[in-house]
């Protein structure tokens, strides 16, 4: 999952970045309205964590502009937004939810609860109600970050799990290498040109050749019923 964290308190921002990376998610940082909007116009994100009190304005402006964005291009108007703020008044929560926020947490918050809320928003955004993905002999648990194949746990690296989850969530759609990369890597990450291919090679070795298919010249996909 690729996340934009919009937070101008450096301590909170760095703590969130470390926690999200520990969970295997890619996290990019913005400390104000202007850099947040520039990021949303440049890259697709699976979710935005948005503070309201920012150094150059109110985070609510990012939310308003995002929800009014034209469909079919960046920024993506349907990107889930989770507000995280010290504003605990009921009126503030109602205003943000009515503007289009998907969830709202009060600082200080428990990082594990925040992660659970983020997973719930991700499930909703991809049209999935169940906490696990079950596909024939394959079962993926995003919360525990585990994969079972024919009932047996399969050990995957963090990147391998991320590639598999990214493809499984949108199956049977095809994702290009670039689309997979945007879901796994931050702006500053060093990236080998064949990193995605290497991860997919390892996944096929561990799960079988038919779990991830190649559409030549386009990208990769997980079929509806992988073997």
C-alpha atoms as a PDB file:
ATOM      1  CA  UNK A   1       0.000   0.000   0.000  1.00  0.00           C
ATOM      2  CA  UNK A   2       1.320   3.443  -0.987  1.00  0.00           C
ATOM      3  CA  UNK A   3       0.464   6.134   1.573  1.00  0.00           C
ATOM      4  CA  UNK A   4       0.847   9.900   1.612  1.00  0.00           C
ATOM      5  CA  UNK A   5       1.389  11.219   5.142  1.00  0.00           C
ATOM      6  CA  UNK A   6       0.520  14.928   5.421  1.00  0.00           C
ATOM      7  CA  UNK A   7       1.886  16.069   8.791  1.00  0.00           C
ATOM      8  CA  UNK A   8       3.999  19.097   9.732  1.00  0.00           C
ATOM      9  CA  UNK A   9       5.124  17.887  13.166  1.00  0.00           C
ATOM     10  CA  UNK A  10       8.458  16.283  12.295  1.00  0.00           C
ATOM     11  CA  UNK A  11       8.460  13.936  15.290  1.00  0.00           C
ATOM     12  CA  UNK A  12       4.996  12.580  14.532  1.00  0.00           C
ATOM     13  CA  UNK A  13       5.776  12.355  10.820  1.00  0.00           C
ATOM     14  CA  UNK A  14       8.974  10.376  11.317  1.00  0.00           C
ATOM     15  CA  UNK A  15       7.312   8.092  13.843  1.00  0.00           C
ATOM     16  CA  UNK A  16       4.501   7.364  11.407  1.00  0.00           C
ATOM     17  CA  UNK A  17       6.940   6.814   8.556  1.00  0.00           C
ATOM     18  CA  UNK A  18       8.918   4.277  10.581  1.00  0.00           C
ATOM     19  CA  UNK A  19       5.778   2.456  11.757  1.00  0.00           C
ATOM     20  CA  UNK A  20       4.272   2.243   8.266  1.00  0.00           C
ATOM     21  CA  UNK A  21       7.507   0.978   6.760  1.00  0.00           C
ATOM     22  CA  UNK A  22       7.700  -1.626   9.528  1.00  0.00           C
ATOM     23  CA  UNK A  23       4.279  -2.816   8.354  1.00  0.00           C
ATOM     24  CA  UNK A  24       5.654  -3.170   4.830  1.00  0.00           C
ATOM     25  CA  UNK A  25       3.885  -0.110   3.394  1.00  0.00           C
ATOM     26  CA  UNK A  26       5.467   2.647   1.319  1.00  0.00           C
ATOM     27  CA  UNK A  27       5.080   6.062   2.971  1.00  0.00           C
ATOM     28  CA  UNK A  28       5.812   9.440   1.369  1.00  0.00           C
ATOM     29  CA  UNK A  29       5.808  12.592   3.456  1.00  0.00           C
ATOM     30  CA  UNK A  30       4.400  16.100   2.919  1.00  0.00           C
ATOM     31  CA  UNK A  31       4.431  18.855   5.550  1.00  0.00           C
ATOM     32  CA  UNK A  32       1.905  21.277   4.123  1.00  0.00           C
ATOM     33  CA  UNK A  33      -1.015  21.932   1.809  1.00  0.00           C
ATOM     34  CA  UNK A  34       1.136  22.848  -1.207  1.00  0.00           C
ATOM     35  CA  UNK A  35       3.516  19.851  -1.105  1.00  0.00           C
ATOM     36  CA  UNK A  36       0.599  17.493  -0.383  1.00  0.00           C
ATOM     37  CA  UNK A  37      -1.314  18.723  -3.414  1.00  0.00           C
ATOM     38  CA  UNK A  38       1.796  18.518  -5.599  1.00  0.00           C
ATOM     39  CA  UNK A  39       2.327  14.908  -4.486  1.00  0.00           C
ATOM     40  CA  UNK A  40      -1.283  13.940  -5.211  1.00  0.00           C
ATOM     41  CA  UNK A  41      -1.038  15.495  -8.682  1.00  0.00           C
ATOM     42  CA  UNK A  42       2.178  13.590  -9.423  1.00  0.00           C
ATOM     43  CA  UNK A  43       1.590  10.083  -8.052  1.00  0.00           C
ATOM     44  CA  UNK A  44      -1.305   7.717  -7.296  1.00  0.00           C
ATOM     45  CA  UNK A  45      -1.730   6.847  -3.606  1.00  0.00           C
ATOM     46  CA  UNK A  46      -3.796   4.120  -1.994  1.00  0.00           C
ATOM     47  CA  UNK A  47      -4.564   6.272   1.062  1.00  0.00           C
ATOM     48  CA  UNK A  48      -3.875   9.717   2.546  1.00  0.00           C
ATOM     49  CA  UNK A  49      -3.243  10.352   6.248  1.00  0.00           C
ATOM     50  CA  UNK A  50      -4.115  14.022   6.633  1.00  0.00           C
ATOM     51  CA  UNK A  51      -3.449  16.393   9.515  1.00  0.00           C
ATOM     52  CA  UNK A  52      -5.606  19.520   9.642  1.00  0.00           C
ATOM     53  CA  UNK A  53      -3.284  22.061  11.254  1.00  0.00           C
ATOM     54  CA  UNK A  54      -0.486  22.468   8.693  1.00  0.00           C
ATOM     55  CA  UNK A  55       2.285  25.033   8.372  1.00  0.00           C
ATOM     56  CA  UNK A  56       0.822  26.701   5.267  1.00  0.00           C
ATOM     57  CA  UNK A  57      -2.903  26.294   5.826  1.00  0.00           C
ATOM     58  CA  UNK A  58      -5.678  23.930   6.791  1.00  0.00           C
ATOM     59  CA  UNK A  59      -5.534  20.297   5.692  1.00  0.00           C
ATOM     60  CA  UNK A  60      -9.243  20.495   4.961  1.00  0.00           C
ATOM     61  CA  UNK A  61      -8.318  22.420   1.809  1.00  0.00           C
ATOM     62  CA  UNK A  62      -6.481  19.351   0.490  1.00  0.00           C
ATOM     63  CA  UNK A  63      -9.569  17.232   1.116  1.00  0.00           C
ATOM     64  CA  UNK A  64     -11.933  19.727  -0.534  1.00  0.00           C
ATOM     65  CA  UNK A  65      -9.772  20.042  -3.643  1.00  0.00           C
ATOM     66  CA  UNK A  66      -9.245  16.302  -3.890  1.00  0.00           C
ATOM     67  CA  UNK A  67     -12.959  15.479  -3.802  1.00  0.00           C
ATOM     68  CA  UNK A  68     -13.641  18.072  -6.513  1.00  0.00           C
ATOM     69  CA  UNK A  69     -10.887  16.765  -8.821  1.00  0.00           C
ATOM     70  CA  UNK A  70     -11.982  15.566 -12.293  1.00  0.00           C
ATOM     71  CA  UNK A  71     -12.443  11.816 -12.654  1.00  0.00           C
ATOM     72  CA  UNK A  72     -10.059   9.712 -14.680  1.00  0.00           C
ATOM     73  CA  UNK A  73      -6.783  11.526 -14.002  1.00  0.00           C
ATOM     74  CA  UNK A  74      -4.504  12.592 -11.181  1.00  0.00           C
ATOM     75  CA  UNK A  75      -5.198  13.555  -8.503  1.00  0.00           C
ATOM     76  CA  UNK A  76      -7.596  10.655  -7.934  1.00  0.00           C
ATOM     77  CA  UNK A  77     -10.770  12.057  -6.374  1.00  0.00           C
ATOM     78  CA  UNK A  78     -11.653   8.645  -4.909  1.00  0.00           C
ATOM     79  CA  UNK A  79      -8.445   8.264  -2.864  1.00  0.00           C
ATOM     80  CA  UNK A  80      -9.405   7.317   0.722  1.00  0.00           C
ATOM     81  CA  UNK A  81      -8.548  10.024   3.275  1.00  0.00           C
ATOM     82  CA  UNK A  82      -8.132   9.425   6.995  1.00  0.00           C
ATOM     83  CA  UNK A  83      -8.025  12.607   9.084  1.00  0.00           C
ATOM     84  CA  UNK A  84      -5.644  12.560  12.074  1.00  0.00           C
ATOM     85  CA  UNK A  85      -5.876  15.661  14.245  1.00  0.00           C
ATOM     86  CA  UNK A  86      -5.993  17.040  17.767  1.00  0.00           C
ATOM     87  CA  UNK A  87      -9.316  18.749  16.979  1.00  0.00           C
ATOM     88  CA  UNK A  88     -11.696  16.647  19.035  1.00  0.00           C
ATOM     89  CA  UNK A  89     -14.867  18.732  18.700  1.00  0.00           C
ATOM     90  CA  UNK A  90     -17.862  16.893  17.289  1.00  0.00           C
ATOM     91  CA  UNK A  91     -18.475  19.760  14.855  1.00  0.00           C
ATOM     92  CA  UNK A  92     -14.969  19.374  13.390  1.00  0.00           C
ATOM     93  CA  UNK A  93     -15.482  15.642  12.865  1.00  0.00           C
ATOM     94  CA  UNK A  94     -18.858  16.190  11.215  1.00  0.00           C
ATOM     95  CA  UNK A  95     -17.444  18.876   8.914  1.00  0.00           C
ATOM     96  CA  UNK A  96     -14.580  16.654   7.711  1.00  0.00           C
ATOM     97  CA  UNK A  97     -16.780  13.602   7.182  1.00  0.00           C
ATOM     98  CA  UNK A  98     -19.302  15.692   5.253  1.00  0.00           C
ATOM     99  CA  UNK A  99     -16.459  17.083   3.099  1.00  0.00           C
ATOM    100  CA  UNK A 100     -15.561  13.541   2.073  1.00  0.00           C
ATOM    101  CA  UNK A 101     -13.187  12.164   4.706  1.00  0.00           C
ATOM    102  CA  UNK A 102     -13.449   8.398   5.094  1.00  0.00           C
ATOM    103  CA  UNK A 103     -12.389   8.223   8.753  1.00  0.00           C
ATOM    104  CA  UNK A 104     -11.234  10.505  11.576  1.00  0.00           C
ATOM    105  CA  UNK A 105      -8.900   9.795  14.505  1.00  0.00           C
ATOM    106  CA  UNK A 106      -7.960  12.035  17.415  1.00  0.00           C
ATOM    107  CA  UNK A 107      -4.349  12.579  18.443  1.00  0.00           C
ATOM    108  CA  UNK A 108      -2.774  10.966  20.317  1.00  0.00           C
ATOM    109  CA  UNK A 109      -3.813   7.675  18.717  1.00  0.00           C
ATOM    110  CA  UNK A 110      -2.634   4.102  19.018  1.00  0.00           C
ATOM    111  CA  UNK A 111      -0.485   3.211  15.964  1.00  0.00           C
ATOM    112  CA  UNK A 112      -1.932  -0.302  15.765  1.00  0.00           C
ATOM    113  CA  UNK A 113      -5.503   1.036  15.781  1.00  0.00           C
ATOM    114  CA  UNK A 114      -4.528   3.488  13.044  1.00  0.00           C
ATOM    115  CA  UNK A 115      -3.111   0.614  10.967  1.00  0.00           C
ATOM    116  CA  UNK A 116      -6.315  -1.395  11.443  1.00  0.00           C
ATOM    117  CA  UNK A 117      -8.414   1.577  10.294  1.00  0.00           C
ATOM    118  CA  UNK A 118      -6.159   1.952   7.254  1.00  0.00           C
ATOM    119  CA  UNK A 119      -6.589  -1.713   6.348  1.00  0.00           C
ATOM    120  CA  UNK A 120     -10.367  -1.321   6.661  1.00  0.00           C
ATOM    121  CA  UNK A 121     -10.329   1.691   4.330  1.00  0.00           C
ATOM    122  CA  UNK A 122      -8.199  -0.217   1.849  1.00  0.00           C
ATOM    123  CA  UNK A 123     -10.640  -3.159   1.886  1.00  0.00           C
ATOM    124  CA  UNK A 124     -13.507  -0.783   1.241  1.00  0.00           C
ATOM    125  CA  UNK A 125     -11.700   1.010  -1.591  1.00  0.00           C
ATOM    126  CA  UNK A 126     -11.053  -2.231  -3.482  1.00  0.00           C
ATOM    127  CA  UNK A 127     -14.563  -3.569  -2.840  1.00  0.00           C
ATOM    128  CA  UNK A 128     -13.639  -6.313  -0.402  1.00  0.00           C
ATOM    129  CA  UNK A 129     -15.481  -6.983   2.865  1.00  0.00           C
ATOM    130  CA  UNK A 130     -13.522  -9.978   4.184  1.00  0.00           C
ATOM    131  CA  UNK A 131     -10.252  -9.333   6.060  1.00  0.00           C
ATOM    132  CA  UNK A 132      -8.471 -12.102   4.110  1.00  0.00           C
ATOM    133  CA  UNK A 133      -8.211 -12.811   0.400  1.00  0.00           C
ATOM    134  CA  UNK A 134      -9.036 -16.410  -0.515  1.00  0.00           C
ATOM    135  CA  UNK A 135      -8.364 -17.622  -4.039  1.00  0.00           C
ATOM    136  CA  UNK A 136      -8.484 -21.374  -4.640  1.00  0.00           C
ATOM    137  CA  UNK A 137      -5.426 -22.810  -2.830  1.00  0.00           C
ATOM    138  CA  UNK A 138      -4.109 -19.364  -1.870  1.00  0.00           C
ATOM    139  CA  UNK A 139      -5.024 -17.333   1.247  1.00  0.00           C
ATOM    140  CA  UNK A 140      -3.552 -13.911   2.011  1.00  0.00           C
ATOM    141  CA  UNK A 141      -3.941 -12.184   5.389  1.00  0.00           C
ATOM    142  CA  UNK A 142      -2.985  -8.476   5.036  1.00  0.00           C
ATOM    143  CA  UNK A 143      -3.145  -7.818   8.793  1.00  0.00           C
ATOM    144  CA  UNK A 144      -0.857 -10.682   9.788  1.00  0.00           C
ATOM    145  CA  UNK A 145       1.098 -10.366   6.499  1.00  0.00           C
ATOM    146  CA  UNK A 146       0.948 -14.120   6.009  1.00  0.00           C
ATOM    147  CA  UNK A 147       0.319 -16.302   2.967  1.00  0.00           C
ATOM    148  CA  UNK A 148      -0.947 -19.875   2.982  1.00  0.00           C
ATOM    149  CA  UNK A 149      -0.777 -22.145  -0.040  1.00  0.00           C
ATOM    150  CA  UNK A 150      -2.687 -25.415   0.225  1.00  0.00           C
ATOM    151  CA  UNK A 151      -3.022 -24.674   3.953  1.00  0.00           C
ATOM    152  CA  UNK A 152       0.712 -24.293   4.552  1.00  0.00           C
ATOM    153  CA  UNK A 153       2.395 -21.050   5.573  1.00  0.00           C
ATOM    154  CA  UNK A 154       4.782 -19.794   2.886  1.00  0.00           C
ATOM    155  CA  UNK A 155       7.617 -17.516   4.006  1.00  0.00           C
ATOM    156  CA  UNK A 156       7.769 -14.363   1.879  1.00  0.00           C
ATOM    157  CA  UNK A 157       9.946 -11.275   2.113  1.00  0.00           C
ATOM    158  CA  UNK A 158       8.211  -7.944   2.753  1.00  0.00           C
ATOM    159  CA  UNK A 159       8.581  -6.918  -0.908  1.00  0.00           C
ATOM    160  CA  UNK A 160       7.369 -10.292  -2.191  1.00  0.00           C
ATOM    161  CA  UNK A 161       4.287 -10.014   0.007  1.00  0.00           C
ATOM    162  CA  UNK A 162       3.687  -6.482  -1.254  1.00  0.00           C
ATOM    163  CA  UNK A 163       3.847  -7.543  -4.901  1.00  0.00           C
ATOM    164  CA  UNK A 164       1.492 -10.467  -4.320  1.00  0.00           C
ATOM    165  CA  UNK A 165      -1.014  -8.373  -2.364  1.00  0.00           C
ATOM    166  CA  UNK A 166      -0.980  -5.563  -4.930  1.00  0.00           C
ATOM    167  CA  UNK A 167      -1.821  -8.009  -7.725  1.00  0.00           C
ATOM    168  CA  UNK A 168      -4.311 -10.046  -5.684  1.00  0.00           C
ATOM    169  CA  UNK A 169      -6.341  -7.000  -4.595  1.00  0.00           C
ATOM    170  CA  UNK A 170      -7.102  -6.005  -8.187  1.00  0.00           C
ATOM    171  CA  UNK A 171      -7.258  -9.468  -9.799  1.00  0.00           C
ATOM    172  CA  UNK A 172      -7.690 -10.218 -12.629  1.00  0.00           C
ATOM    173  CA  UNK A 173      -6.609  -6.739 -13.717  1.00  0.00           C
ATOM    174  CA  UNK A 174      -3.115  -6.393 -15.125  1.00  0.00           C
ATOM    175  CA  UNK A 175      -0.593  -4.126 -13.377  1.00  0.00           C
ATOM    176  CA  UNK A 176       2.462  -2.861 -15.218  1.00  0.00           C
ATOM    177  CA  UNK A 177       5.872  -2.950 -13.618  1.00  0.00           C
ATOM    178  CA  UNK A 178       5.647   0.818 -13.013  1.00  0.00           C
ATOM    179  CA  UNK A 179       2.263   0.462 -11.293  1.00  0.00           C
ATOM    180  CA  UNK A 180       3.636  -2.229  -9.000  1.00  0.00           C
ATOM    181  CA  UNK A 181       6.668  -0.089  -8.207  1.00  0.00           C
ATOM    182  CA  UNK A 182       4.489   2.874  -7.180  1.00  0.00           C
ATOM    183  CA  UNK A 183       2.706   0.645  -4.654  1.00  0.00           C
ATOM    184  CA  UNK A 184       5.939  -0.621  -3.076  1.00  0.00           C
ATOM    185  CA  UNK A 185       8.546   2.108  -3.100  1.00  0.00           C
ATOM    186  CA  UNK A 186       8.904   5.621  -1.702  1.00  0.00           C
ATOM    187  CA  UNK A 187      10.281   8.494  -3.767  1.00  0.00           C
ATOM    188  CA  UNK A 188      13.728   8.184  -2.203  1.00  0.00           C
ATOM    189  CA  UNK A 189      14.097   4.408  -2.387  1.00  0.00           C
ATOM    190  CA  UNK A 190      16.961   2.991  -4.436  1.00  0.00           C
ATOM    191  CA  UNK A 191      15.426   0.655  -7.004  1.00  0.00           C
ATOM    192  CA  UNK A 192      17.060  -1.864  -9.311  1.00  0.00           C
ATOM    193  CA  UNK A 193      15.618  -1.864 -12.828  1.00  0.00           C
ATOM    194  CA  UNK A 194      14.575  -5.536 -12.555  1.00  0.00           C
ATOM    195  CA  UNK A 195      13.438  -5.527  -8.911  1.00  0.00           C
ATOM    196  CA  UNK A 196       9.803  -6.377  -9.680  1.00  0.00           C
ATOM    197  CA  UNK A 197      10.797  -9.196 -12.024  1.00  0.00           C
ATOM    198  CA  UNK A 198      13.032 -10.665  -9.321  1.00  0.00           C
ATOM    199  CA  UNK A 199      10.218 -10.579  -6.746  1.00  0.00           C
ATOM    200  CA  UNK A 200       7.815 -12.255  -9.177  1.00  0.00           C
ATOM    201  CA  UNK A 201      10.398 -14.935  -9.996  1.00  0.00           C
ATOM    202  CA  UNK A 202      10.715 -15.712  -6.267  1.00  0.00           C
ATOM    203  CA  UNK A 203       6.930 -15.778  -5.812  1.00  0.00           C
ATOM    204  CA  UNK A 204       6.514 -18.250  -8.662  1.00  0.00           C
ATOM    205  CA  UNK A 205       9.234 -20.454  -7.219  1.00  0.00           C
ATOM    206  CA  UNK A 206       7.503 -20.491  -3.822  1.00  0.00           C
ATOM    207  CA  UNK A 207       3.834 -20.583  -4.913  1.00  0.00           C
ATOM    208  CA  UNK A 208       3.880 -22.134  -8.354  1.00  0.00           C
ATOM    209  CA  UNK A 209       4.169 -20.796 -11.869  1.00  0.00           C
ATOM    210  CA  UNK A 210       0.418 -20.294 -12.331  1.00  0.00           C
ATOM    211  CA  UNK A 211      -0.203 -17.967  -9.377  1.00  0.00           C
ATOM    212  CA  UNK A 212       1.141 -14.900 -11.207  1.00  0.00           C
ATOM    213  CA  UNK A 213       0.746 -14.722 -14.983  1.00  0.00           C
ATOM    214  CA  UNK A 214       2.490 -12.471 -17.487  1.00  0.00           C
ATOM    215  CA  UNK A 215       0.743 -10.496 -20.204  1.00  0.00           C
ATOM    216  CA  UNK A 216       3.645  -9.807 -22.496  1.00  0.00           C
ATOM    217  CA  UNK A 217       4.369  -6.169 -23.117  1.00  0.00           C
ATOM    218  CA  UNK A 218       1.771  -5.092 -20.551  1.00  0.00           C
ATOM    219  CA  UNK A 219       2.460  -6.484 -17.079  1.00  0.00           C
ATOM    220  CA  UNK A 220       1.416  -9.117 -14.558  1.00  0.00           C
ATOM    221  CA  UNK A 221      -1.842 -10.415 -13.093  1.00  0.00           C
ATOM    222  CA  UNK A 222      -3.284 -12.962 -10.684  1.00  0.00           C
ATOM    223  CA  UNK A 223      -6.085 -14.998 -12.328  1.00  0.00           C
ATOM    224  CA  UNK A 224      -9.457 -15.335 -10.641  1.00  0.00           C
ATOM    225  CA  UNK A 225      -8.662 -18.886  -9.484  1.00  0.00           C
ATOM    226  CA  UNK A 226      -4.891 -19.282  -9.190  1.00  0.00           C
ATOM    227  CA  UNK A 227      -3.698 -22.870  -8.851  1.00  0.00           C
END
